[in-house]
Each structure stands twice: as structure tokens, then as C-alpha cells.
């Protein structure tokens, strides 16, 4: 998985490419842990994300909780495969998906 990060003040944008699964989710978790200080709004661009597993969902839930009460977190450009995972797991009701 490739992580591309850009920050503008308290706005952090992260684009993911590849698969967010058991093998790659620790990488995203570490990146978020190191990057969320001073961040009020997180945007995750999934335009090049092919797949997400339960391990990836756990990282998203953790980030969502960390940003609740601040500006929040949104997920953009979700493909049909990832959207189906969000729908089946109930994450579609939790996350702000654009």
C-alpha cells in the first residue's frame, strides 16, 4: 500500500493506493498516530484503494474516534468493492463518505 500525505494547517489529506488489510493497516495506523496532533479535519482519498479488510476498518474507526468533537473525518472516492464492505459492516452509517 502507498500512503500519500499532504497537510494544510489543521487539514490532513491522506490518499491510499493498493490494499488496506492485515499486512498494511499497521502502516496506516502508525502514520495517523504520528500525524494527527493539531489536525481537526482528516480526509481519506480512496480513489486508488482496491480493498479494505476488518483490520483496515479498525484503523478507520480509531481515527474517526480521535477526530470526533473536532472537525471530523471524511472518506472520498470510494469504489464499489470498498463501499460494499462499508454497507455490510454498518460503517456506511458511521463514516462521512463522499
PDB file of N, CA and C in Angstrom:
ATOM      1  N   UNK A   1       0.841  -1.175   0.000  1.00  0.00           N
ATOM      2  CA  UNK A   1       0.000   0.000   0.000  1.00  0.00           C
ATOM      3  C   UNK A   1       0.888   1.241   0.000  1.00  0.00           C
ATOM      4  N   UNK A   2       0.468   2.235  -0.736  1.00  0.00           N
ATOM      5  CA  UNK A   2       1.165   3.514  -0.790  1.00  0.00           C
ATOM      6  C   UNK A   2       0.323   4.562  -0.074  1.00  0.00           C
ATOM      7  N   UNK A   3       0.961   5.334   0.803  1.00  0.00           N
ATOM      8  CA  UNK A   3       0.293   6.413   1.535  1.00  0.00           C
ATOM      9  C   UNK A   3       0.891   7.730   1.070  1.00  0.00           C
ATOM     10  N   UNK A   4       0.031   8.626   0.592  1.00  0.00           N
ATOM     11  CA  UNK A   4       0.470   9.960   0.190  1.00  0.00           C
ATOM     12  C   UNK A   4      -0.227  10.954   1.102  1.00  0.00           C
ATOM     13  N   UNK A   5       0.564  11.761   1.792  1.00  0.00           N
ATOM     14  CA  UNK A   5       0.036  12.656   2.813  1.00  0.00           C
ATOM     15  C   UNK A   5       0.330  14.098   2.451  1.00  0.00           C
ATOM     16  N   UNK A   6      -0.678  14.960   2.570  1.00  0.00           N
ATOM     17  CA  UNK A   6      -0.487  16.403   2.433  1.00  0.00           C
ATOM     18  C   UNK A   6      -1.231  17.077   3.577  1.00  0.00           C
ATOM     19  N   UNK A   7      -0.650  18.156   4.083  1.00  0.00           N
ATOM     20  CA  UNK A   7      -1.278  18.856   5.193  1.00  0.00           C
ATOM     21  C   UNK A   7      -1.322  20.338   4.900  1.00  0.00           C
ATOM     22  N   UNK A   8      -2.459  20.950   5.236  1.00  0.00           N
ATOM     23  CA  UNK A   8      -2.641  22.386   5.086  1.00  0.00           C
ATOM     24  C   UNK A   8      -3.239  22.889   6.393  1.00  0.00           C
ATOM     25  N   UNK A   9      -2.397  23.413   7.265  1.00  0.00           N
ATOM     26  CA  UNK A   9      -2.854  23.855   8.579  1.00  0.00           C
ATOM     27  C   UNK A   9      -3.360  22.677   9.393  1.00  0.00           C
ATOM     28  N   UNK A  10      -4.633  22.768   9.814  1.00  0.00           N
ATOM     29  CA  UNK A  10      -5.210  21.685  10.615  1.00  0.00           C
ATOM     30  C   UNK A  10      -5.961  20.669   9.764  1.00  0.00           C
ATOM     31  N   UNK A  11      -5.792  20.747   8.441  1.00  0.00           N
ATOM     32  CA  UNK A  11      -6.439  19.828   7.491  1.00  0.00           C
ATOM     33  C   UNK A  11      -5.400  18.847   6.976  1.00  0.00           C
ATOM     34  N   UNK A  12      -5.636  17.538   7.204  1.00  0.00           N
ATOM     35  CA  UNK A  12      -4.733  16.499   6.724  1.00  0.00           C
ATOM     36  C   UNK A  12      -5.445  15.679   5.668  1.00  0.00           C
ATOM     37  N   UNK A  13      -4.796  15.497   4.538  1.00  0.00           N
ATOM     38  CA  UNK A  13      -5.324  14.674   3.452  1.00  0.00           C
ATOM     39  C   UNK A  13      -4.391  13.486   3.255  1.00  0.00           C
ATOM     40  N   UNK A  14      -4.985  12.292   3.246  1.00  0.00           N
ATOM     41  CA  UNK A  14      -4.211  11.075   3.023  1.00  0.00           C
ATOM     42  C   UNK A  14      -4.858  10.297   1.888  1.00  0.00           C
ATOM     43  N   UNK A  15      -4.071  10.004   0.871  1.00  0.00           N
ATOM     44  CA  UNK A  15      -4.522   9.179  -0.252  1.00  0.00           C
ATOM     45  C   UNK A  15      -3.890   7.803  -0.110  1.00  0.00           C
ATOM     46  N   UNK A  16      -4.713   6.776  -0.246  1.00  0.00           N
ATOM     47  CA  UNK A  16      -4.240   5.402  -0.139  1.00  0.00           C
ATOM     48  C   UNK A  16      -4.317   4.719  -1.497  1.00  0.00           C
ATOM     49  N   UNK A  17      -3.306   3.915  -1.781  1.00  0.00           N
ATOM     50  CA  UNK A  17      -3.278   3.159  -3.029  1.00  0.00           C
ATOM     51  C   UNK A  17      -2.926   1.709  -2.716  1.00  0.00           C
ATOM     52  N   UNK A  18      -3.733   0.788  -3.234  1.00  0.00           N
ATOM     53  CA  UNK A  18      -3.475  -0.633  -3.016  1.00  0.00           C
ATOM     54  C   UNK A  18      -4.520  -1.262  -2.125  1.00  0.00           C
ATOM     55  N   UNK A  19      -4.062  -2.049  -1.142  1.00  0.00           N
ATOM     56  CA  UNK A  19      -4.956  -2.791  -0.243  1.00  0.00           C
ATOM     57  C   UNK A  19      -4.704  -2.368   1.195  1.00  0.00           C
ATOM     58  N   UNK A  20      -5.793  -2.111   1.913  1.00  0.00           N
ATOM     59  CA  UNK A  20      -5.711  -1.826   3.342  1.00  0.00           C
ATOM     60  C   UNK A  20      -6.188  -3.073   4.068  1.00  0.00           C
ATOM     61  N   UNK A  21      -5.230  -3.891   4.501  1.00  0.00           N
ATOM     62  CA  UNK A  21      -5.563  -5.189   5.083  1.00  0.00           C
ATOM     63  C   UNK A  21      -4.687  -5.455   6.302  1.00  0.00           C
ATOM     64  N   UNK A  22      -4.649  -6.687   6.754  1.00  0.00           N
ATOM     65  CA  UNK A  22      -3.899  -7.059   7.953  1.00  0.00           C
ATOM     66  C   UNK A  22      -2.416  -6.706   7.836  1.00  0.00           C
ATOM     67  N   UNK A  23      -1.868  -6.839   6.656  1.00  0.00           N
ATOM     68  CA  UNK A  23      -0.445  -6.578   6.460  1.00  0.00           C
ATOM     69  C   UNK A  23      -0.132  -5.078   6.391  1.00  0.00           C
ATOM     70  N   UNK A  24      -1.049  -4.266   5.864  1.00  0.00           N
ATOM     71  CA  UNK A  24      -0.755  -2.851   5.631  1.00  0.00           C
ATOM     72  C   UNK A  24      -1.396  -1.902   6.638  1.00  0.00           C
ATOM     73  N   UNK A  25      -2.415  -2.361   7.372  1.00  0.00           N
ATOM     74  CA  UNK A  25      -3.098  -1.453   8.297  1.00  0.00           C
ATOM     75  C   UNK A  25      -2.182  -0.914   9.405  1.00  0.00           C
ATOM     76  N   UNK A  26      -1.189  -1.687   9.905  1.00  0.00           N
ATOM     77  CA  UNK A  26      -0.284  -1.094  10.903  1.00  0.00           C
ATOM     78  C   UNK A  26       0.488   0.117  10.372  1.00  0.00           C
ATOM     79  N   UNK A  27       0.784   0.105   9.081  1.00  0.00           N
ATOM     80  CA  UNK A  27       1.483   1.240   8.464  1.00  0.00           C
ATOM     81  C   UNK A  27       0.612   2.494   8.506  1.00  0.00           C
ATOM     82  N   UNK A  28      -0.664   2.350   8.147  1.00  0.00           N
ATOM     83  CA  UNK A  28      -1.578   3.496   8.195  1.00  0.00           C
ATOM     84  C   UNK A  28      -1.798   3.935   9.634  1.00  0.00           C
ATOM     85  N   UNK A  29      -1.956   2.980  10.531  1.00  0.00           N
ATOM     86  CA  UNK A  29      -2.158   3.307  11.939  1.00  0.00           C
ATOM     87  C   UNK A  29      -0.979   4.123  12.481  1.00  0.00           C
ATOM     88  N   UNK A  30       0.232   3.727  12.157  1.00  0.00           N
ATOM     89  CA  UNK A  30       1.430   4.463  12.590  1.00  0.00           C
ATOM     90  C   UNK A  30       1.460   5.863  11.993  1.00  0.00           C
ATOM     91  N   UNK A  31       1.140   5.954  10.722  1.00  0.00           N
ATOM     92  CA  UNK A  31       1.131   7.250  10.041  1.00  0.00           C
ATOM     93  C   UNK A  31       0.109   8.188  10.674  1.00  0.00           C
ATOM     94  N   UNK A  32      -1.076   7.683  10.958  1.00  0.00           N
ATOM     95  CA  UNK A  32      -2.107   8.509  11.583  1.00  0.00           C
ATOM     96  C   UNK A  32      -1.698   8.916  12.991  1.00  0.00           C
ATOM     97  N   UNK A  33      -1.166   7.986  13.749  1.00  0.00           N
ATOM     98  CA  UNK A  33      -0.747   8.281  15.120  1.00  0.00           C
ATOM     99  C   UNK A  33       0.293   9.404  15.143  1.00  0.00           C
ATOM    100  N   UNK A  34       1.201   9.372  14.188  1.00  0.00           N
ATOM    101  CA  UNK A  34       2.263  10.380  14.117  1.00  0.00           C
ATOM    102  C   UNK A  34       1.777  11.708  13.542  1.00  0.00           C
ATOM    103  N   UNK A  35       0.640  11.701  12.847  1.00  0.00           N
ATOM    104  CA  UNK A  35       0.228  12.887  12.089  1.00  0.00           C
ATOM    105  C   UNK A  35      -0.981  13.632  12.639  1.00  0.00           C
ATOM    106  N   UNK A  36      -1.715  13.070  13.572  1.00  0.00           N
ATOM    107  CA  UNK A  36      -2.990  13.670  13.975  1.00  0.00           C
ATOM    108  C   UNK A  36      -2.878  14.793  15.003  1.00  0.00           C
ATOM    109  N   UNK A  37      -1.714  15.000  15.614  1.00  0.00           N
ATOM    110  CA  UNK A  37      -1.571  16.123  16.546  1.00  0.00           C
ATOM    111  C   UNK A  37      -1.804  17.439  15.812  1.00  0.00           C
ATOM    112  N   UNK A  38      -2.730  18.237  16.313  1.00  0.00           N
ATOM    113  CA  UNK A  38      -3.035  19.526  15.693  1.00  0.00           C
ATOM    114  C   UNK A  38      -3.948  19.445  14.499  1.00  0.00           C
ATOM    115  N   UNK A  39      -4.395  18.243  14.135  1.00  0.00           N
ATOM    116  CA  UNK A  39      -5.294  18.067  12.989  1.00  0.00           C
ATOM    117  C   UNK A  39      -6.740  18.060  13.479  1.00  0.00           C
ATOM    118  N   UNK A  40      -7.580  18.861  12.825  1.00  0.00           N
ATOM    119  CA  UNK A  40      -9.004  18.898  13.150  1.00  0.00           C
ATOM    120  C   UNK A  40      -9.865  18.246  12.084  1.00  0.00           C
ATOM    121  N   UNK A  41      -9.351  18.158  10.858  1.00  0.00           N
ATOM    122  CA  UNK A  41     -10.110  17.578   9.752  1.00  0.00           C
ATOM    123  C   UNK A  41      -9.210  16.627   8.974  1.00  0.00           C
ATOM    124  N   UNK A  42      -9.661  15.380   8.840  1.00  0.00           N
ATOM    125  CA  UNK A  42      -8.932  14.368   8.087  1.00  0.00           C
ATOM    126  C   UNK A  42      -9.767  13.943   6.897  1.00  0.00           C
ATOM    127  N   UNK A  43      -9.159  13.952   5.721  1.00  0.00           N
ATOM    128  CA  UNK A  43      -9.805  13.451   4.515  1.00  0.00           C
ATOM    129  C   UNK A  43      -8.984  12.275   4.001  1.00  0.00           C
ATOM    130  N   UNK A  44      -9.652  11.148   3.832  1.00  0.00           N
ATOM    131  CA  UNK A  44      -9.012   9.954   3.280  1.00  0.00           C
ATOM    132  C   UNK A  44      -9.512   9.762   1.856  1.00  0.00           C
ATOM    133  N   UNK A  45      -8.609   9.814   0.902  1.00  0.00           N
ATOM    134  CA  UNK A  45      -8.932   9.638  -0.510  1.00  0.00           C
ATOM    135  C   UNK A  45      -8.722   8.168  -0.874  1.00  0.00           C
ATOM    136  N   UNK A  46      -9.814   7.489  -1.190  1.00  0.00           N
ATOM    137  CA  UNK A  46      -9.772   6.063  -1.511  1.00  0.00           C
ATOM    138  C   UNK A  46      -9.881   5.805  -3.009  1.00  0.00           C
ATOM    139  N   UNK A  47      -9.596   6.808  -3.849  1.00  0.00           N
ATOM    140  CA  UNK A  47      -9.760   6.636  -5.293  1.00  0.00           C
ATOM    141  C   UNK A  47      -8.894   5.513  -5.852  1.00  0.00           C
ATOM    142  N   UNK A  48      -7.779   5.199  -5.194  1.00  0.00           N
ATOM    143  CA  UNK A  48      -6.892   4.134  -5.678  1.00  0.00           C
ATOM    144  C   UNK A  48      -6.793   2.976  -4.684  1.00  0.00           C
ATOM    145  N   UNK A  49      -7.732   2.927  -3.727  1.00  0.00           N
ATOM    146  CA  UNK A  49      -7.758   1.822  -2.776  1.00  0.00           C
ATOM    147  C   UNK A  49      -8.596   0.697  -3.363  1.00  0.00           C
ATOM    148  N   UNK A  50      -8.001  -0.489  -3.469  1.00  0.00           N
ATOM    149  CA  UNK A  50      -8.670  -1.623  -4.105  1.00  0.00           C
ATOM    150  C   UNK A  50      -9.496  -2.456  -3.142  1.00  0.00           C
ATOM    151  N   UNK A  51      -9.100  -2.481  -1.861  1.00  0.00           N
ATOM    152  CA  UNK A  51      -9.702  -3.427  -0.925  1.00  0.00           C
ATOM    153  C   UNK A  51      -9.477  -2.937   0.497  1.00  0.00           C
ATOM    154  N   UNK A  52     -10.431  -3.235   1.388  1.00  0.00           N
ATOM    155  CA  UNK A  52     -10.259  -2.956   2.807  1.00  0.00           C
ATOM    156  C   UNK A  52     -10.738  -4.156   3.614  1.00  0.00           C
ATOM    157  N   UNK A  53      -9.962  -4.553   4.614  1.00  0.00           N
ATOM    158  CA  UNK A  53     -10.326  -5.685   5.468  1.00  0.00           C
ATOM    159  C   UNK A  53     -10.788  -5.164   6.833  1.00  0.00           C
ATOM    160  N   UNK A  54     -11.132  -6.088   7.720  1.00  0.00           N
ATOM    161  CA  UNK A  54     -11.564  -5.696   9.061  1.00  0.00           C
ATOM    162  C   UNK A  54     -10.444  -4.976   9.815  1.00  0.00           C
ATOM    163  N   UNK A  55      -9.201  -5.331   9.543  1.00  0.00           N
ATOM    164  CA  UNK A  55      -8.076  -4.634  10.179  1.00  0.00           C
ATOM    165  C   UNK A  55      -8.028  -3.173   9.730  1.00  0.00           C
ATOM    166  N   UNK A  56      -8.314  -2.936   8.457  1.00  0.00           N
ATOM    167  CA  UNK A  56      -8.378  -1.564   7.952  1.00  0.00           C
ATOM    168  C   UNK A  56      -9.548  -0.802   8.545  1.00  0.00           C
ATOM    169  N   UNK A  57     -10.674  -1.475   8.706  1.00  0.00           N
ATOM    170  CA  UNK A  57     -11.847  -0.843   9.314  1.00  0.00           C
ATOM    171  C   UNK A  57     -11.541  -0.410  10.745  1.00  0.00           C
ATOM    172  N   UNK A  58     -10.795  -1.230  11.468  1.00  0.00           N
ATOM    173  CA  UNK A  58     -10.434  -0.896  12.845  1.00  0.00           C
ATOM    174  C   UNK A  58      -9.613   0.395  12.891  1.00  0.00           C
ATOM    175  N   UNK A  59      -8.688   0.568  11.943  1.00  0.00           N
ATOM    176  CA  UNK A  59      -7.878   1.786  11.885  1.00  0.00           C
ATOM    177  C   UNK A  59      -8.763   2.991  11.578  1.00  0.00           C
ATOM    178  N   UNK A  60      -9.714   2.825  10.665  1.00  0.00           N
ATOM    179  CA  UNK A  60     -10.626   3.927  10.345  1.00  0.00           C
ATOM    180  C   UNK A  60     -11.468   4.312  11.549  1.00  0.00           C
ATOM    181  N   UNK A  61     -11.959   3.319  12.274  1.00  0.00           N
ATOM    182  CA  UNK A  61     -12.783   3.591  13.451  1.00  0.00           C
ATOM    183  C   UNK A  61     -11.973   4.338  14.511  1.00  0.00           C
ATOM    184  N   UNK A  62     -10.745   3.938  14.702  1.00  0.00           N
ATOM    185  CA  UNK A  62      -9.870   4.606  15.666  1.00  0.00           C
ATOM    186  C   UNK A  62      -9.638   6.065  15.281  1.00  0.00           C
ATOM    187  N   UNK A  63      -9.372   6.322  14.016  1.00  0.00           N
ATOM    188  CA  UNK A  63      -9.167   7.698  13.542  1.00  0.00           C
ATOM    189  C   UNK A  63     -10.447   8.507  13.675  1.00  0.00           C
ATOM    190  N   UNK A  64     -11.582   7.879  13.360  1.00  0.00           N
ATOM    191  CA  UNK A  64     -12.881   8.552  13.474  1.00  0.00           C
ATOM    192  C   UNK A  64     -13.120   8.982  14.915  1.00  0.00           C
ATOM    193  N   UNK A  65     -12.830   8.109  15.858  1.00  0.00           N
ATOM    194  CA  UNK A  65     -12.999   8.428  17.284  1.00  0.00           C
ATOM    195  C   UNK A  65     -12.044   9.537  17.713  1.00  0.00           C
ATOM    196  N   UNK A  66     -10.813   9.501  17.224  1.00  0.00           N
ATOM    197  CA  UNK A  66      -9.820  10.515  17.589  1.00  0.00           C
ATOM    198  C   UNK A  66     -10.232  11.905  17.120  1.00  0.00           C
ATOM    199  N   UNK A  67     -10.977  11.975  16.025  1.00  0.00           N
ATOM    200  CA  UNK A  67     -11.360  13.266  15.456  1.00  0.00           C
ATOM    201  C   UNK A  67     -12.791  13.673  15.803  1.00  0.00           C
ATOM    202  N   UNK A  68     -13.525  12.836  16.518  1.00  0.00           N
ATOM    203  CA  UNK A  68     -14.874  13.234  16.919  1.00  0.00           C
ATOM    204  C   UNK A  68     -14.750  14.372  17.929  1.00  0.00           C
ATOM    205  N   UNK A  69     -15.621  15.347  17.794  1.00  0.00           N
ATOM    206  CA  UNK A  69     -15.528  16.529  18.632  1.00  0.00           C
ATOM    207  C   UNK A  69     -14.634  17.598  18.030  1.00  0.00           C
ATOM    208  N   UNK A  70     -13.935  17.250  16.972  1.00  0.00           N
ATOM    209  CA  UNK A  70     -13.127  18.223  16.220  1.00  0.00           C
ATOM    210  C   UNK A  70     -13.843  18.433  14.887  1.00  0.00           C
ATOM    211  N   UNK A  71     -13.098  18.685  13.847  1.00  0.00           N
ATOM    212  CA  UNK A  71     -13.687  18.894  12.533  1.00  0.00           C
ATOM    213  C   UNK A  71     -14.201  17.615  11.894  1.00  0.00           C
ATOM    214  N   UNK A  72     -13.645  16.475  12.311  1.00  0.00           N
ATOM    215  CA  UNK A  72     -14.122  15.192  11.825  1.00  0.00           C
ATOM    216  C   UNK A  72     -13.259  14.578  10.747  1.00  0.00           C
ATOM    217  N   UNK A  73     -13.795  13.507  10.199  1.00  0.00           N
ATOM    218  CA  UNK A  73     -13.091  12.728   9.189  1.00  0.00           C
ATOM    219  C   UNK A  73     -14.063  12.401   8.064  1.00  0.00           C
ATOM    220  N   UNK A  74     -13.588  12.481   6.840  1.00  0.00           N
ATOM    221  CA  UNK A  74     -14.411  12.055   5.710  1.00  0.00           C
ATOM    222  C   UNK A  74     -13.602  11.165   4.794  1.00  0.00           C
ATOM    223  N   UNK A  75     -14.312  10.301   4.104  1.00  0.00           N
ATOM    224  CA  UNK A  75     -13.708   9.362   3.159  1.00  0.00           C
ATOM    225  C   UNK A  75     -14.272   9.709   1.784  1.00  0.00           C
ATOM    226  N   UNK A  76     -13.384   9.867   0.804  1.00  0.00           N
ATOM    227  CA  UNK A  76     -13.826  10.264  -0.533  1.00  0.00           C
ATOM    228  C   UNK A  76     -13.424   9.220  -1.573  1.00  0.00           C
ATOM    229  N   UNK A  77     -14.125   9.254  -2.708  1.00  0.00           N
ATOM    230  CA  UNK A  77     -13.810   8.441  -3.891  1.00  0.00           C
ATOM    231  C   UNK A  77     -13.755   6.942  -3.586  1.00  0.00           C
ATOM    232  N   UNK A  78     -14.792   6.447  -2.944  1.00  0.00           N
ATOM    233  CA  UNK A  78     -14.854   5.037  -2.556  1.00  0.00           C
ATOM    234  C   UNK A  78     -15.370   4.212  -3.733  1.00  0.00           C
ATOM    235  N   UNK A  79     -14.653   3.126  -4.078  1.00  0.00           N
ATOM    236  CA  UNK A  79     -15.120   2.272  -5.173  1.00  0.00           C
ATOM    237  C   UNK A  79     -16.227   1.327  -4.677  1.00  0.00           C
ATOM    238  N   UNK A  80     -16.817   0.581  -5.594  1.00  0.00           N
ATOM    239  CA  UNK A  80     -17.952  -0.289  -5.251  1.00  0.00           C
ATOM    240  C   UNK A  80     -17.585  -1.401  -4.274  1.00  0.00           C
ATOM    241  N   UNK A  81     -16.391  -1.949  -4.396  1.00  0.00           N
ATOM    242  CA  UNK A  81     -15.965  -3.047  -3.519  1.00  0.00           C
ATOM    243  C   UNK A  81     -15.846  -2.556  -2.081  1.00  0.00           C
ATOM    244  N   UNK A  82     -15.169  -1.426  -1.898  1.00  0.00           N
ATOM    245  CA  UNK A  82     -14.996  -0.863  -0.559  1.00  0.00           C
ATOM    246  C   UNK A  82     -16.339  -0.389  -0.013  1.00  0.00           C
ATOM    247  N   UNK A  83     -17.162   0.209  -0.861  1.00  0.00           N
ATOM    248  CA  UNK A  83     -18.482   0.678  -0.422  1.00  0.00           C
ATOM    249  C   UNK A  83     -19.336  -0.492   0.067  1.00  0.00           C
ATOM    250  N   UNK A  84     -19.238  -1.626  -0.610  1.00  0.00           N
ATOM    251  CA  UNK A  84     -19.997  -2.803  -0.182  1.00  0.00           C
ATOM    252  C   UNK A  84     -19.554  -3.263   1.207  1.00  0.00           C
ATOM    253  N   UNK A  85     -18.250  -3.224   1.474  1.00  0.00           N
ATOM    254  CA  UNK A  85     -17.742  -3.563   2.808  1.00  0.00           C
ATOM    255  C   UNK A  85     -18.303  -2.579   3.839  1.00  0.00           C
ATOM    256  N   UNK A  86     -18.301  -1.291   3.511  1.00  0.00           N
ATOM    257  CA  UNK A  86     -18.862  -0.281   4.413  1.00  0.00           C
ATOM    258  C   UNK A  86     -20.351  -0.534   4.662  1.00  0.00           C
ATOM    259  N   UNK A  87     -21.089  -0.898   3.616  1.00  0.00           N
ATOM    260  CA  UNK A  87     -22.531  -1.143   3.751  1.00  0.00           C
ATOM    261  C   UNK A  87     -22.805  -2.360   4.631  1.00  0.00           C
ATOM    262  N   UNK A  88     -22.110  -3.454   4.369  1.00  0.00           N
ATOM    263  CA  UNK A  88     -22.349  -4.715   5.084  1.00  0.00           C
ATOM    264  C   UNK A  88     -21.970  -4.589   6.562  1.00  0.00           C
ATOM    265  N   UNK A  89     -20.903  -3.848   6.853  1.00  0.00           N
ATOM    266  CA  UNK A  89     -20.425  -3.745   8.233  1.00  0.00           C
ATOM    267  C   UNK A  89     -21.090  -2.625   9.033  1.00  0.00           C
ATOM    268  N   UNK A  90     -21.877  -1.787   8.364  1.00  0.00           N
ATOM    269  CA  UNK A  90     -22.505  -0.666   9.057  1.00  0.00           C
ATOM    270  C   UNK A  90     -21.632   0.588   9.093  1.00  0.00           C
ATOM    271  N   UNK A  91     -20.443   0.515   8.540  1.00  0.00           N
ATOM    272  CA  UNK A  91     -19.560   1.686   8.522  1.00  0.00           C
ATOM    273  C   UNK A  91     -20.129   2.800   7.657  1.00  0.00           C
ATOM    274  N   UNK A  92     -20.996   2.463   6.705  1.00  0.00           N
ATOM    275  CA  UNK A  92     -21.625   3.483   5.867  1.00  0.00           C
ATOM    276  C   UNK A  92     -22.482   4.414   6.713  1.00  0.00           C
ATOM    277  N   UNK A  93     -22.971   3.917   7.856  1.00  0.00           N
ATOM    278  CA  UNK A  93     -23.788   4.736   8.748  1.00  0.00           C
ATOM    279  C   UNK A  93     -22.933   5.544   9.728  1.00  0.00           C
ATOM    280  N   UNK A  94     -21.683   5.151   9.903  1.00  0.00           N
ATOM    281  CA  UNK A  94     -20.804   5.800  10.868  1.00  0.00           C
ATOM    282  C   UNK A  94     -19.942   6.870  10.215  1.00  0.00           C
ATOM    283  N   UNK A  95     -19.390   6.549   9.045  1.00  0.00           N
ATOM    284  CA  UNK A  95     -18.434   7.414   8.380  1.00  0.00           C
ATOM    285  C   UNK A  95     -19.129   8.442   7.485  1.00  0.00           C
ATOM    286  N   UNK A  96     -18.465   9.567   7.300  1.00  0.00           N
ATOM    287  CA  UNK A  96     -18.885  10.579   6.332  1.00  0.00           C
ATOM    288  C   UNK A  96     -18.214  10.212   5.009  1.00  0.00           C
ATOM    289  N   UNK A  97     -19.019   9.630   4.088  1.00  0.00           N
ATOM    290  CA  UNK A  97     -18.494   9.142   2.817  1.00  0.00           C
ATOM    291  C   UNK A  97     -19.003  10.046   1.699  1.00  0.00           C
ATOM    292  N   UNK A  98     -18.073  10.582   0.931  1.00  0.00           N
ATOM    293  CA  UNK A  98     -18.445  11.464  -0.188  1.00  0.00           C
ATOM    294  C   UNK A  98     -18.049  10.841  -1.504  1.00  0.00           C
TER     295      UNK A  98
END
